[in-house]
Amino acid sequence: MHLSLQLSLPSTMANPLSPPPSPIPLLLPPFSHLRRLLHRRSPYMPLRVSVQRTITEEEDEEGHDVRISKNPLGFPSEGNRVDDLYLLSAGLRRESLPRHVAVIMDGNRRWARLRDLPVVSGYEAGLRSLRVAVELCCKLGIEVLTVFAFSLDNWLRPKVEVEFLMSLFEQGVREESSGFLRENIRISLIGDTSKLPSSLQELITNVEEGTKNNSRLQLVVAVSYSGQYDIVQACRKIALKVKDGVLAPEDVTESLIEEELVTNCTKFPLPDLLIRTSGELRLSNFFLWQLAYTELFFSQSLWPDFGEFEFLEALRSFQCRQRRYGVKSIQ
C-alpha cells in the first residue's frame, strides 16, 4: 500500500490564487532538490524552438476569428495585446503586475553537482531558464527584467570557470542578438565592464547600440557588478561635480544619487519584485540601494529548475502583498 502525507495550510494562510498542494511522499522532504530530478529535462536537451513562425486562430472580443502569428519562442509577436487569457489562467491581474522584476540566478553549480555533471552544464542549463524568463516577461507585459549574472566577487573563482562563463556569455549574446532585434527587446549591461574581455566589451557595445530603440522589454544584465560598487561609483561622480563647482553639498539628495546609479539606463530603475533562487536568504551585494522598497521572493528551486510554474508563483505572491513604502496604515 502506498502511503503519502498531505500537507495543507490553514484557511487563513492559504493563497486562493495558488494551486492546491500535491501530496508529498512521506520519506521525502517537501523542498528536497532530489524531487526535481525525476521531472526535469536533461541539460543537453535542446530548448523548444521552432524554425518557422506558426499561425494560430483565436477569437477577438467581438467573436470573430483572428490569426495571430507566434515567434520561435512561442509568445505573441510585437504589436499583439498582452495575453489576457493566459493572465486569467495563471491567476494574475494585469494592473497588479510588477513593472520591473530583478532575479538573482543562484544554484547553477549545485544543480550540476546533484546530477554528477560538470559545473559548466549547470550554467548552460541556467541560460535556458533565462530564455524562459524573458519569454514570460514578454508574454505578460513586464517592462524590465534585470538578472544578476556575474558579481565582482565572482572574479575570485577558478580561472577556468571564469573563462568559461565569459565565453558562454559572449556566445549567448551573439546567438540571441538577432532575436532581440526581431522581438523588440532592448539589451543593457551594467557593471564594471573594464574587467571584461575586449571582444565581449565590443560585442556588448554593438548590441546595446543596435537595440537601444526597442521597447517591448528591457533586459538588463548585471555583469561584474556589486551594489557597493554601484554606490561608490555614483558618489565619485557626484564628488567630482561638487569639486568642480557644478553642485553644492546641500544639492546632494537621494534622487540625485539614484540618477548616478548604473540603473539610470532604465525608466524603472527600482525593482518592484526581487526573486532569488536556490533557497538562499540573502542579497549577495546586489542592488543595495535600489531594493529599499522592493518586495522579496525566495524560491527553493535551483535556477536551472526555475521555470514557468515558479515564475508565476512569484508573481502571484507579489500580487498578494500590500506595498506601503514605509507608511504604516492606521487601520
C-alpha atoms as a PDB file:
ATOM      1  CA  MET A   1       0.000   0.000   0.000  1.00  0.00           C
ATOM      2  CA  HIS A   2       1.336   3.446  -0.946  1.00  0.00           C
ATOM      3  CA  LEU A   3       1.357   5.993   1.865  1.00  0.00           C
ATOM      4  CA  SER A   4       1.529   9.732   1.329  1.00  0.00           C
ATOM      5  CA  LEU A   5       1.453  12.725   3.614  1.00  0.00           C
ATOM      6  CA  GLN A   6      -0.964  15.502   2.673  1.00  0.00           C
ATOM      7  CA  LEU A   7       0.074  18.944   3.962  1.00  0.00           C
ATOM      8  CA  SER A   8      -2.377  21.842   3.880  1.00  0.00           C
ATOM      9  CA  LEU A   9      -2.266  25.422   5.100  1.00  0.00           C
ATOM     10  CA  PRO A  10      -4.862  26.815   7.490  1.00  0.00           C
ATOM     11  CA  SER A  11      -7.619  28.657   5.667  1.00  0.00           C
ATOM     12  CA  THR A  12      -6.266  31.981   6.935  1.00  0.00           C
ATOM     13  CA  MET A  13      -2.875  31.317   5.323  1.00  0.00           C
ATOM     14  CA  ALA A  14      -3.868  29.616   2.099  1.00  0.00           C
ATOM     15  CA  ASN A  15      -3.439  31.602  -1.090  1.00  0.00           C
ATOM     16  CA  PRO A  16      -6.607  31.246  -3.202  1.00  0.00           C
ATOM     17  CA  LEU A  17      -4.620  32.110  -6.333  1.00  0.00           C
ATOM     18  CA  SER A  18      -2.153  29.269  -5.859  1.00  0.00           C
ATOM     19  CA  PRO A  19      -2.911  25.690  -6.937  1.00  0.00           C
ATOM     20  CA  PRO A  20      -3.627  23.247  -4.076  1.00  0.00           C
ATOM     21  CA  PRO A  21      -0.525  21.436  -2.824  1.00  0.00           C
ATOM     22  CA  SER A  22       0.029  17.963  -4.175  1.00  0.00           C
ATOM     23  CA  PRO A  23       0.634  15.017  -1.818  1.00  0.00           C
ATOM     24  CA  ILE A  24       4.226  14.900  -0.583  1.00  0.00           C
ATOM     25  CA  PRO A  25       5.900  11.467  -0.328  1.00  0.00           C
ATOM     26  CA  LEU A  26       6.304  10.501   3.328  1.00  0.00           C
ATOM     27  CA  LEU A  27      10.045   9.880   3.183  1.00  0.00           C
ATOM     28  CA  LEU A  28      10.993  12.892   1.077  1.00  0.00           C
ATOM     29  CA  PRO A  29      11.378  16.435   2.490  1.00  0.00           C
ATOM     30  CA  PRO A  30       8.928  18.895   0.891  1.00  0.00           C
ATOM     31  CA  PHE A  31      11.690  21.126  -0.507  1.00  0.00           C
ATOM     32  CA  SER A  32      14.188  18.420  -1.443  1.00  0.00           C
ATOM     33  CA  HIS A  33      16.010  19.247  -4.683  1.00  0.00           C
ATOM     34  CA  LEU A  34      16.143  15.490  -5.385  1.00  0.00           C
ATOM     35  CA  ARG A  35      12.395  15.569  -6.055  1.00  0.00           C
ATOM     36  CA  ARG A  36      13.065  17.726  -9.094  1.00  0.00           C
ATOM     37  CA  LEU A  37      15.405  15.235 -10.733  1.00  0.00           C
ATOM     38  CA  LEU A  38      12.532  12.985 -11.731  1.00  0.00           C
ATOM     39  CA  HIS A  39      10.690  15.550 -13.829  1.00  0.00           C
ATOM     40  CA  ARG A  40      13.358  17.829 -15.297  1.00  0.00           C
ATOM     41  CA  ARG A  41      14.920  17.785 -18.720  1.00  0.00           C
ATOM     42  CA  SER A  42      18.463  16.719 -19.289  1.00  0.00           C
ATOM     43  CA  PRO A  43      20.818  19.716 -19.514  1.00  0.00           C
ATOM     44  CA  TYR A  44      21.691  18.560 -23.009  1.00  0.00           C
ATOM     45  CA  MET A  45      18.091  18.525 -24.227  1.00  0.00           C
ATOM     46  CA  PRO A  46      17.611  21.457 -26.630  1.00  0.00           C
ATOM     47  CA  LEU A  47      15.269  24.301 -25.839  1.00  0.00           C
ATOM     48  CA  ARG A  48      11.909  24.184 -27.592  1.00  0.00           C
ATOM     49  CA  VAL A  49      12.462  26.351 -30.642  1.00  0.00           C
ATOM     50  CA  SER A  50      10.642  26.235 -33.956  1.00  0.00           C
ATOM     51  CA  VAL A  51      12.322  27.456 -37.115  1.00  0.00           C
ATOM     52  CA  GLN A  52       9.197  28.831 -38.779  1.00  0.00           C
ATOM     53  CA  ARG A  53       6.551  31.144 -37.416  1.00  0.00           C
ATOM     54  CA  THR A  54       3.283  29.386 -36.598  1.00  0.00           C
ATOM     55  CA  ILE A  55      -0.235  30.703 -37.050  1.00  0.00           C
ATOM     56  CA  THR A  56      -2.998  30.130 -34.502  1.00  0.00           C
ATOM     57  CA  GLU A  57      -6.640  31.092 -34.734  1.00  0.00           C
ATOM     58  CA  GLU A  58      -8.348  32.841 -31.825  1.00  0.00           C
ATOM     59  CA  GLU A  59     -11.497  34.873 -31.363  1.00  0.00           C
ATOM     60  CA  ASP A  60     -11.345  38.594 -30.775  1.00  0.00           C
ATOM     61  CA  GLU A  61     -13.624  40.494 -28.387  1.00  0.00           C
ATOM     62  CA  GLU A  62     -16.435  40.519 -30.969  1.00  0.00           C
ATOM     63  CA  GLY A  63     -16.269  36.787 -31.575  1.00  0.00           C
ATOM     64  CA  HIS A  64     -14.503  36.933 -34.952  1.00  0.00           C
ATOM     65  CA  ASP A  65     -11.703  34.514 -35.748  1.00  0.00           C
ATOM     66  CA  VAL A  66      -8.316  36.223 -35.857  1.00  0.00           C
ATOM     67  CA  ARG A  67      -4.956  34.848 -36.896  1.00  0.00           C
ATOM     68  CA  ILE A  68      -2.097  35.501 -34.500  1.00  0.00           C
ATOM     69  CA  SER A  69       1.466  34.765 -35.537  1.00  0.00           C
ATOM     70  CA  LYS A  70       3.779  33.270 -32.949  1.00  0.00           C
ATOM     71  CA  ASN A  71       7.510  33.818 -32.858  1.00  0.00           C
ATOM     72  CA  PRO A  72      10.040  30.971 -32.441  1.00  0.00           C
ATOM     73  CA  LEU A  73       9.931  31.147 -28.627  1.00  0.00           C
ATOM     74  CA  GLY A  74       6.162  30.741 -28.649  1.00  0.00           C
ATOM     75  CA  PHE A  75       4.800  34.068 -27.369  1.00  0.00           C
ATOM     76  CA  PRO A  76       2.738  36.598 -29.365  1.00  0.00           C
ATOM     77  CA  SER A  77       4.705  38.841 -31.682  1.00  0.00           C
ATOM     78  CA  GLU A  78       5.232  42.543 -31.010  1.00  0.00           C
ATOM     79  CA  GLY A  79       2.075  44.518 -31.628  1.00  0.00           C
ATOM     80  CA  ASN A  80      -0.327  41.906 -30.224  1.00  0.00           C
ATOM     81  CA  ARG A  81      -2.058  42.515 -26.924  1.00  0.00           C
ATOM     82  CA  VAL A  82      -0.923  41.025 -23.635  1.00  0.00           C
ATOM     83  CA  ASP A  83      -2.357  37.515 -23.374  1.00  0.00           C
ATOM     84  CA  ASP A  84      -5.345  38.184 -21.088  1.00  0.00           C
ATOM     85  CA  LEU A  85      -6.470  34.562 -21.227  1.00  0.00           C
ATOM     86  CA  TYR A  86      -3.036  33.465 -20.065  1.00  0.00           C
ATOM     87  CA  LEU A  87      -3.145  36.020 -17.219  1.00  0.00           C
ATOM     88  CA  LEU A  88      -6.544  34.720 -16.151  1.00  0.00           C
ATOM     89  CA  SER A  89      -5.470  31.081 -16.214  1.00  0.00           C
ATOM     90  CA  ALA A  90      -2.373  31.975 -14.170  1.00  0.00           C
ATOM     91  CA  GLY A  91      -4.408  33.793 -11.531  1.00  0.00           C
ATOM     92  CA  LEU A  92      -2.815  37.159 -12.339  1.00  0.00           C
ATOM     93  CA  ARG A  93      -4.193  40.675 -12.749  1.00  0.00           C
ATOM     94  CA  ARG A  94      -2.613  42.875 -15.376  1.00  0.00           C
ATOM     95  CA  GLU A  95      -2.932  46.061 -13.316  1.00  0.00           C
ATOM     96  CA  SER A  96      -1.069  44.467 -10.384  1.00  0.00           C
ATOM     97  CA  LEU A  97       1.904  43.045 -12.273  1.00  0.00           C
ATOM     98  CA  PRO A  98       5.370  44.381 -11.416  1.00  0.00           C
ATOM     99  CA  ARG A  99       6.908  46.676 -13.990  1.00  0.00           C
ATOM    100  CA  HIS A 100      10.478  45.720 -13.063  1.00  0.00           C
ATOM    101  CA  VAL A 101      11.490  42.223 -11.937  1.00  0.00           C
ATOM    102  CA  ALA A 102      15.044  41.509 -10.775  1.00  0.00           C
ATOM    103  CA  VAL A 103      16.452  37.993 -10.392  1.00  0.00           C
ATOM    104  CA  ILE A 104      19.468  36.622  -8.539  1.00  0.00           C
ATOM    105  CA  MET A 105      20.084  33.491 -10.615  1.00  0.00           C
ATOM    106  CA  ASP A 106      21.588  31.181  -7.992  1.00  0.00           C
ATOM    107  CA  GLY A 107      22.115  27.430  -7.916  1.00  0.00           C
ATOM    108  CA  ASN A 108      23.649  26.558 -11.307  1.00  0.00           C
ATOM    109  CA  ARG A 109      26.651  24.753  -9.826  1.00  0.00           C
ATOM    110  CA  ARG A 110      24.608  22.849  -7.233  1.00  0.00           C
ATOM    111  CA  TRP A 111      22.202  21.784  -9.968  1.00  0.00           C
ATOM    112  CA  ALA A 112      25.081  20.252 -11.918  1.00  0.00           C
ATOM    113  CA  ARG A 113      26.599  18.526  -8.875  1.00  0.00           C
ATOM    114  CA  LEU A 114      23.259  16.916  -7.972  1.00  0.00           C
ATOM    115  CA  ARG A 115      23.329  15.290 -11.411  1.00  0.00           C
ATOM    116  CA  ASP A 116      27.028  14.390 -11.368  1.00  0.00           C
ATOM    117  CA  LEU A 117      27.551  16.743 -14.304  1.00  0.00           C
ATOM    118  CA  PRO A 118      30.340  19.244 -14.970  1.00  0.00           C
ATOM    119  CA  VAL A 119      29.753  22.681 -13.483  1.00  0.00           C
ATOM    120  CA  VAL A 120      29.594  24.138 -16.996  1.00  0.00           C
ATOM    121  CA  SER A 121      26.456  22.085 -17.666  1.00  0.00           C
ATOM    122  CA  GLY A 122      24.726  23.926 -14.842  1.00  0.00           C
ATOM    123  CA  TYR A 123      25.472  27.287 -16.433  1.00  0.00           C
ATOM    124  CA  GLU A 124      24.251  26.055 -19.814  1.00  0.00           C
ATOM    125  CA  ALA A 125      21.001  24.885 -18.221  1.00  0.00           C
ATOM    126  CA  GLY A 126      20.712  28.217 -16.416  1.00  0.00           C
ATOM    127  CA  LEU A 127      20.908  30.038 -19.736  1.00  0.00           C
ATOM    128  CA  ARG A 128      17.840  28.123 -20.890  1.00  0.00           C
ATOM    129  CA  SER A 129      15.965  29.205 -17.754  1.00  0.00           C
ATOM    130  CA  LEU A 130      16.859  32.794 -18.596  1.00  0.00           C
ATOM    131  CA  ARG A 131      15.313  32.383 -22.048  1.00  0.00           C
ATOM    132  CA  VAL A 132      12.103  31.135 -20.422  1.00  0.00           C
ATOM    133  CA  ALA A 133      12.041  34.134 -18.058  1.00  0.00           C
ATOM    134  CA  VAL A 134      12.477  36.537 -20.984  1.00  0.00           C
ATOM    135  CA  GLU A 135       9.679  34.792 -22.866  1.00  0.00           C
ATOM    136  CA  LEU A 136       7.324  35.072 -19.897  1.00  0.00           C
ATOM    137  CA  CYS A 137       8.092  38.752 -19.326  1.00  0.00           C
ATOM    138  CA  CYS A 138       7.259  39.471 -22.956  1.00  0.00           C
ATOM    139  CA  LYS A 139       4.090  37.428 -22.731  1.00  0.00           C
ATOM    140  CA  LEU A 140       2.928  39.150 -19.536  1.00  0.00           C
ATOM    141  CA  GLY A 141       3.897  42.687 -20.500  1.00  0.00           C
ATOM    142  CA  ILE A 142       6.550  43.146 -17.793  1.00  0.00           C
ATOM    143  CA  GLU A 143       8.679  46.054 -18.958  1.00  0.00           C
ATOM    144  CA  VAL A 144      12.076  45.481 -17.310  1.00  0.00           C
ATOM    145  CA  LEU A 145      13.867  42.259 -16.346  1.00  0.00           C
ATOM    146  CA  THR A 146      17.212  42.554 -14.564  1.00  0.00           C
ATOM    147  CA  VAL A 147      19.342  39.462 -13.972  1.00  0.00           C
ATOM    148  CA  PHE A 148      22.403  39.226 -11.733  1.00  0.00           C
ATOM    149  CA  ALA A 149      24.673  37.190 -13.981  1.00  0.00           C
ATOM    150  CA  PHE A 150      28.187  37.732 -12.598  1.00  0.00           C
ATOM    151  CA  SER A 151      29.303  39.612  -9.488  1.00  0.00           C
ATOM    152  CA  LEU A 152      32.601  41.377  -8.861  1.00  0.00           C
ATOM    153  CA  ASP A 153      33.336  38.684  -6.269  1.00  0.00           C
ATOM    154  CA  ASN A 154      32.949  36.001  -8.941  1.00  0.00           C
ATOM    155  CA  TRP A 155      36.290  37.075 -10.438  1.00  0.00           C
ATOM    156  CA  LEU A 156      37.854  35.202  -7.495  1.00  0.00           C
ATOM    157  CA  ARG A 157      36.532  31.860  -8.758  1.00  0.00           C
ATOM    158  CA  PRO A 158      38.835  29.399 -10.576  1.00  0.00           C
ATOM    159  CA  LYS A 159      40.237  30.874 -13.785  1.00  0.00           C
ATOM    160  CA  VAL A 160      38.876  28.039 -15.929  1.00  0.00           C
ATOM    161  CA  GLU A 161      35.348  28.625 -14.630  1.00  0.00           C
ATOM    162  CA  VAL A 162      35.567  32.394 -15.154  1.00  0.00           C
ATOM    163  CA  GLU A 163      36.858  31.961 -18.706  1.00  0.00           C
ATOM    164  CA  PHE A 164      34.023  29.567 -19.489  1.00  0.00           C
ATOM    165  CA  LEU A 165      31.436  31.993 -18.106  1.00  0.00           C
ATOM    166  CA  MET A 166      32.803  34.839 -20.219  1.00  0.00           C
ATOM    167  CA  SER A 167      32.795  32.571 -23.275  1.00  0.00           C
ATOM    168  CA  LEU A 168      29.236  31.380 -22.563  1.00  0.00           C
ATOM    169  CA  PHE A 169      28.040  34.938 -22.064  1.00  0.00           C
ATOM    170  CA  GLU A 170      29.609  36.078 -25.326  1.00  0.00           C
ATOM    171  CA  GLN A 171      28.193  33.084 -27.183  1.00  0.00           C
ATOM    172  CA  GLY A 172      24.723  33.695 -25.739  1.00  0.00           C
ATOM    173  CA  VAL A 173      24.731  37.364 -26.741  1.00  0.00           C
ATOM    174  CA  ARG A 174      25.842  36.514 -30.295  1.00  0.00           C
ATOM    175  CA  GLU A 175      23.214  33.805 -30.717  1.00  0.00           C
ATOM    176  CA  GLU A 176      20.362  35.878 -29.325  1.00  0.00           C
ATOM    177  CA  SER A 177      21.215  39.284 -30.830  1.00  0.00           C
ATOM    178  CA  SER A 178      19.063  38.761 -33.924  1.00  0.00           C
ATOM    179  CA  GLY A 179      16.196  37.577 -31.728  1.00  0.00           C
ATOM    180  CA  PHE A 180      16.487  40.700 -29.584  1.00  0.00           C
ATOM    181  CA  LEU A 181      16.021  42.833 -32.683  1.00  0.00           C
ATOM    182  CA  ARG A 182      13.188  40.718 -34.043  1.00  0.00           C
ATOM    183  CA  GLU A 183      11.246  40.653 -30.779  1.00  0.00           C
ATOM    184  CA  ASN A 184      11.816  44.351 -29.973  1.00  0.00           C
ATOM    185  CA  ILE A 185      13.887  43.610 -26.837  1.00  0.00           C
ATOM    186  CA  ARG A 186      16.379  46.176 -25.603  1.00  0.00           C
ATOM    187  CA  ILE A 187      19.619  44.957 -24.001  1.00  0.00           C
ATOM    188  CA  SER A 188      21.533  46.919 -21.365  1.00  0.00           C
ATOM    189  CA  LEU A 189      24.600  45.810 -19.432  1.00  0.00           C
ATOM    190  CA  ILE A 190      25.513  47.272 -16.049  1.00  0.00           C
ATOM    191  CA  GLY A 191      28.679  46.779 -14.031  1.00  0.00           C
ATOM    192  CA  ASP A 192      32.418  47.337 -14.268  1.00  0.00           C
ATOM    193  CA  THR A 193      32.809  46.422 -17.932  1.00  0.00           C
ATOM    194  CA  SER A 194      36.508  47.365 -17.924  1.00  0.00           C
ATOM    195  CA  LYS A 195      37.257  43.928 -16.478  1.00  0.00           C
ATOM    196  CA  LEU A 196      35.562  42.065 -19.332  1.00  0.00           C
ATOM    197  CA  PRO A 197      37.443  40.644 -22.351  1.00  0.00           C
ATOM    198  CA  SER A 198      37.838  43.244 -25.103  1.00  0.00           C
ATOM    199  CA  SER A 199      35.883  41.139 -27.610  1.00  0.00           C
ATOM    200  CA  LEU A 200      32.961  40.938 -25.183  1.00  0.00           C
ATOM    201  CA  GLN A 201      33.095  44.679 -24.494  1.00  0.00           C
ATOM    202  CA  GLU A 202      32.899  45.415 -28.215  1.00  0.00           C
ATOM    203  CA  LEU A 203      30.043  42.961 -28.711  1.00  0.00           C
ATOM    204  CA  ILE A 204      28.042  44.445 -25.839  1.00  0.00           C
ATOM    205  CA  THR A 205      28.527  47.977 -27.160  1.00  0.00           C
ATOM    206  CA  ASN A 206      27.235  46.931 -30.582  1.00  0.00           C
ATOM    207  CA  VAL A 207      24.211  45.075 -29.190  1.00  0.00           C
ATOM    208  CA  GLU A 208      23.279  47.923 -26.847  1.00  0.00           C
ATOM    209  CA  GLU A 209      23.506  50.402 -29.714  1.00  0.00           C
ATOM    210  CA  GLY A 210      21.537  48.149 -32.062  1.00  0.00           C
ATOM    211  CA  THR A 211      18.672  47.583 -29.601  1.00  0.00           C
ATOM    212  CA  LYS A 212      18.515  50.988 -27.878  1.00  0.00           C
ATOM    213  CA  ASN A 213      15.246  51.930 -29.592  1.00  0.00           C
ATOM    214  CA  ASN A 214      13.473  48.635 -28.789  1.00  0.00           C
ATOM    215  CA  SER A 215      10.618  48.974 -26.323  1.00  0.00           C
ATOM    216  CA  ARG A 216       8.840  45.672 -25.702  1.00  0.00           C
ATOM    217  CA  LEU A 217      11.122  44.528 -22.884  1.00  0.00           C
ATOM    218  CA  GLN A 218      14.370  45.866 -21.494  1.00  0.00           C
ATOM    219  CA  LEU A 219      16.691  43.068 -20.399  1.00  0.00           C
ATOM    220  CA  VAL A 220      19.295  44.467 -18.004  1.00  0.00           C
ATOM    221  CA  VAL A 221      22.237  42.132 -17.387  1.00  0.00           C
ATOM    222  CA  ALA A 222      24.393  42.824 -14.326  1.00  0.00           C
ATOM    223  CA  VAL A 223      27.912  41.569 -15.088  1.00  0.00           C
ATOM    224  CA  SER A 224      30.981  42.366 -12.982  1.00  0.00           C
ATOM    225  CA  TYR A 225      28.575  44.191 -10.687  1.00  0.00           C
ATOM    226  CA  SER A 226      28.041  44.715  -6.969  1.00  0.00           C
ATOM    227  CA  GLY A 227      25.759  47.011  -5.034  1.00  0.00           C
ATOM    228  CA  GLN A 228      28.673  48.560  -3.165  1.00  0.00           C
ATOM    229  CA  TYR A 229      30.491  49.250  -6.434  1.00  0.00           C
ATOM    230  CA  ASP A 230      27.371  50.937  -7.784  1.00  0.00           C
ATOM    231  CA  ILE A 231      27.012  53.293  -4.817  1.00  0.00           C
ATOM    232  CA  VAL A 232      30.734  54.130  -4.767  1.00  0.00           C
ATOM    233  CA  GLN A 233      30.859  54.998  -8.481  1.00  0.00           C
ATOM    234  CA  ALA A 234      27.786  57.214  -8.052  1.00  0.00           C
ATOM    235  CA  CYS A 235      29.383  59.021  -5.093  1.00  0.00           C
ATOM    236  CA  ARG A 236      32.577  59.591  -7.082  1.00  0.00           C
ATOM    237  CA  LYS A 237      30.646  61.216  -9.927  1.00  0.00           C
ATOM    238  CA  ILE A 238      28.817  63.486  -7.503  1.00  0.00           C
ATOM    239  CA  ALA A 239      32.040  64.341  -5.633  1.00  0.00           C
ATOM    240  CA  LEU A 240      33.653  65.470  -8.897  1.00  0.00           C
ATOM    241  CA  LYS A 241      30.673  67.711  -9.652  1.00  0.00           C
ATOM    242  CA  VAL A 242      30.927  69.257  -6.187  1.00  0.00           C
ATOM    243  CA  LYS A 243      34.671  69.725  -6.631  1.00  0.00           C
ATOM    244  CA  ASP A 244      34.149  71.436  -9.997  1.00  0.00           C
ATOM    245  CA  GLY A 245      31.514  73.732  -8.541  1.00  0.00           C
ATOM    246  CA  VAL A 246      28.695  72.234 -10.593  1.00  0.00           C
ATOM    247  CA  LEU A 247      26.924  71.129  -7.405  1.00  0.00           C
ATOM    248  CA  ALA A 248      26.860  72.367  -3.825  1.00  0.00           C
ATOM    249  CA  PRO A 249      26.985  69.793  -0.997  1.00  0.00           C
ATOM    250  CA  GLU A 250      23.427  70.665   0.017  1.00  0.00           C
ATOM    251  CA  ASP A 251      22.279  69.788  -3.513  1.00  0.00           C
ATOM    252  CA  VAL A 252      23.079  66.108  -2.929  1.00  0.00           C
ATOM    253  CA  THR A 253      19.805  64.228  -2.394  1.00  0.00           C
ATOM    254  CA  GLU A 254      18.510  60.681  -2.668  1.00  0.00           C
ATOM    255  CA  SER A 255      17.135  61.464  -6.117  1.00  0.00           C
ATOM    256  CA  LEU A 256      20.491  62.804  -7.282  1.00  0.00           C
ATOM    257  CA  ILE A 257      22.269  59.644  -6.130  1.00  0.00           C
ATOM    258  CA  GLU A 258      19.696  57.480  -7.930  1.00  0.00           C
ATOM    259  CA  GLU A 259      20.364  59.396 -11.133  1.00  0.00           C
ATOM    260  CA  GLU A 260      24.050  58.445 -10.935  1.00  0.00           C
ATOM    261  CA  LEU A 261      23.494  54.735 -10.272  1.00  0.00           C
ATOM    262  CA  VAL A 262      24.072  52.398 -13.213  1.00  0.00           C
ATOM    263  CA  THR A 263      20.351  51.571 -13.264  1.00  0.00           C
ATOM    264  CA  ASN A 264      19.712  55.024 -14.738  1.00  0.00           C
ATOM    265  CA  CYS A 265      19.681  53.171 -18.067  1.00  0.00           C
ATOM    266  CA  THR A 266      16.015  52.253 -17.497  1.00  0.00           C
ATOM    267  CA  LYS A 267      12.903  54.322 -16.842  1.00  0.00           C
ATOM    268  CA  PHE A 268      12.022  51.997 -13.935  1.00  0.00           C
ATOM    269  CA  PRO A 269      15.342  51.834 -12.030  1.00  0.00           C
ATOM    270  CA  LEU A 270      13.854  50.481  -8.787  1.00  0.00           C
ATOM    271  CA  PRO A 271      12.655  46.849  -8.991  1.00  0.00           C
ATOM    272  CA  ASP A 272       9.146  46.065  -7.797  1.00  0.00           C
ATOM    273  CA  LEU A 273       9.993  42.409  -7.212  1.00  0.00           C
ATOM    274  CA  LEU A 274      13.256  40.603  -6.487  1.00  0.00           C
ATOM    275  CA  ILE A 275      13.421  36.842  -6.966  1.00  0.00           C
ATOM    276  CA  ARG A 276      16.283  34.814  -5.521  1.00  0.00           C
ATOM    277  CA  THR A 277      16.538  31.117  -6.292  1.00  0.00           C
ATOM    278  CA  SER A 278      18.224  28.137  -4.560  1.00  0.00           C
ATOM    279  CA  GLY A 279      16.791  28.749  -1.086  1.00  0.00           C
ATOM    280  CA  GLU A 280      19.457  31.239  -0.007  1.00  0.00           C
ATOM    281  CA  LEU A 281      18.108  34.138   2.073  1.00  0.00           C
ATOM    282  CA  ARG A 282      20.499  36.967   1.302  1.00  0.00           C
ATOM    283  CA  LEU A 283      21.068  39.729  -1.255  1.00  0.00           C
ATOM    284  CA  SER A 284      24.724  38.912  -2.030  1.00  0.00           C
ATOM    285  CA  ASN A 285      25.700  42.557  -2.572  1.00  0.00           C
ATOM    286  CA  PHE A 286      23.106  43.119  -5.299  1.00  0.00           C
ATOM    287  CA  PHE A 287      21.130  46.370  -5.751  1.00  0.00           C
ATOM    288  CA  LEU A 288      21.775  47.534  -2.183  1.00  0.00           C
ATOM    289  CA  TRP A 289      20.307  50.974  -2.899  1.00  0.00           C
ATOM    290  CA  GLN A 290      17.616  50.007  -5.389  1.00  0.00           C
ATOM    291  CA  LEU A 291      15.942  47.347  -3.201  1.00  0.00           C
ATOM    292  CA  ALA A 292      14.880  49.713  -0.397  1.00  0.00           C
ATOM    293  CA  TYR A 293      11.146  49.117  -1.013  1.00  0.00           C
ATOM    294  CA  THR A 294      11.284  46.067  -3.256  1.00  0.00           C
ATOM    295  CA  GLU A 295       9.175  43.001  -2.477  1.00  0.00           C
ATOM    296  CA  LEU A 296      11.364  39.921  -1.979  1.00  0.00           C
ATOM    297  CA  PHE A 297      10.573  36.365  -3.066  1.00  0.00           C
ATOM    298  CA  PHE A 298      12.891  33.483  -2.158  1.00  0.00           C
ATOM    299  CA  SER A 299      12.445  30.262  -4.118  1.00  0.00           C
ATOM    300  CA  GLN A 300      13.688  26.835  -3.088  1.00  0.00           C
ATOM    301  CA  SER A 301      14.244  25.954  -6.750  1.00  0.00           C
ATOM    302  CA  LEU A 302      17.737  25.991  -8.169  1.00  0.00           C
ATOM    303  CA  TRP A 303      17.956  28.433 -11.072  1.00  0.00           C
ATOM    304  CA  PRO A 304      18.024  25.798 -13.869  1.00  0.00           C
ATOM    305  CA  ASP A 305      14.815  24.372 -12.338  1.00  0.00           C
ATOM    306  CA  PHE A 306      13.138  27.778 -12.173  1.00  0.00           C
ATOM    307  CA  GLY A 307      10.594  27.666 -14.954  1.00  0.00           C
ATOM    308  CA  GLU A 308       7.139  28.925 -15.826  1.00  0.00           C
ATOM    309  CA  PHE A 309       5.394  27.489 -12.750  1.00  0.00           C
ATOM    310  CA  GLU A 310       7.921  29.006 -10.350  1.00  0.00           C
ATOM    311  CA  PHE A 311       7.903  32.395 -12.098  1.00  0.00           C
ATOM    312  CA  LEU A 312       4.117  32.619 -11.953  1.00  0.00           C
ATOM    313  CA  GLU A 313       4.214  31.564  -8.300  1.00  0.00           C
ATOM    314  CA  ALA A 314       6.470  34.542  -7.551  1.00  0.00           C
ATOM    315  CA  LEU A 315       4.128  36.904  -9.402  1.00  0.00           C
ATOM    316  CA  ARG A 316       1.083  35.595  -7.517  1.00  0.00           C
ATOM    317  CA  SER A 317       2.922  36.123  -4.250  1.00  0.00           C
ATOM    318  CA  PHE A 318       3.748  39.687  -5.307  1.00  0.00           C
ATOM    319  CA  GLN A 319       0.109  40.444  -6.067  1.00  0.00           C
ATOM    320  CA  CYS A 320      -0.896  39.347  -2.567  1.00  0.00           C
ATOM    321  CA  ARG A 321       1.451  41.874  -0.932  1.00  0.00           C
ATOM    322  CA  GLN A 322       0.443  45.304   0.361  1.00  0.00           C
ATOM    323  CA  ARG A 323       3.192  47.734  -0.599  1.00  0.00           C
ATOM    324  CA  ARG A 324       3.423  50.552   1.947  1.00  0.00           C
ATOM    325  CA  TYR A 325       6.747  52.224   1.123  1.00  0.00           C
ATOM    326  CA  GLY A 326       7.427  52.833   4.804  1.00  0.00           C
ATOM    327  CA  VAL A 327       3.994  54.336   5.522  1.00  0.00           C
ATOM    328  CA  LYS A 328       2.136  52.345   8.181  1.00  0.00           C
ATOM    329  CA  SER A 329      -1.602  52.045   7.781  1.00  0.00           C
ATOM    330  CA  ILE A 330      -3.665  53.404  10.696  1.00  0.00           C
ATOM    331  CA  GLN A 331      -6.478  50.948  10.042  1.00  0.00           C
END
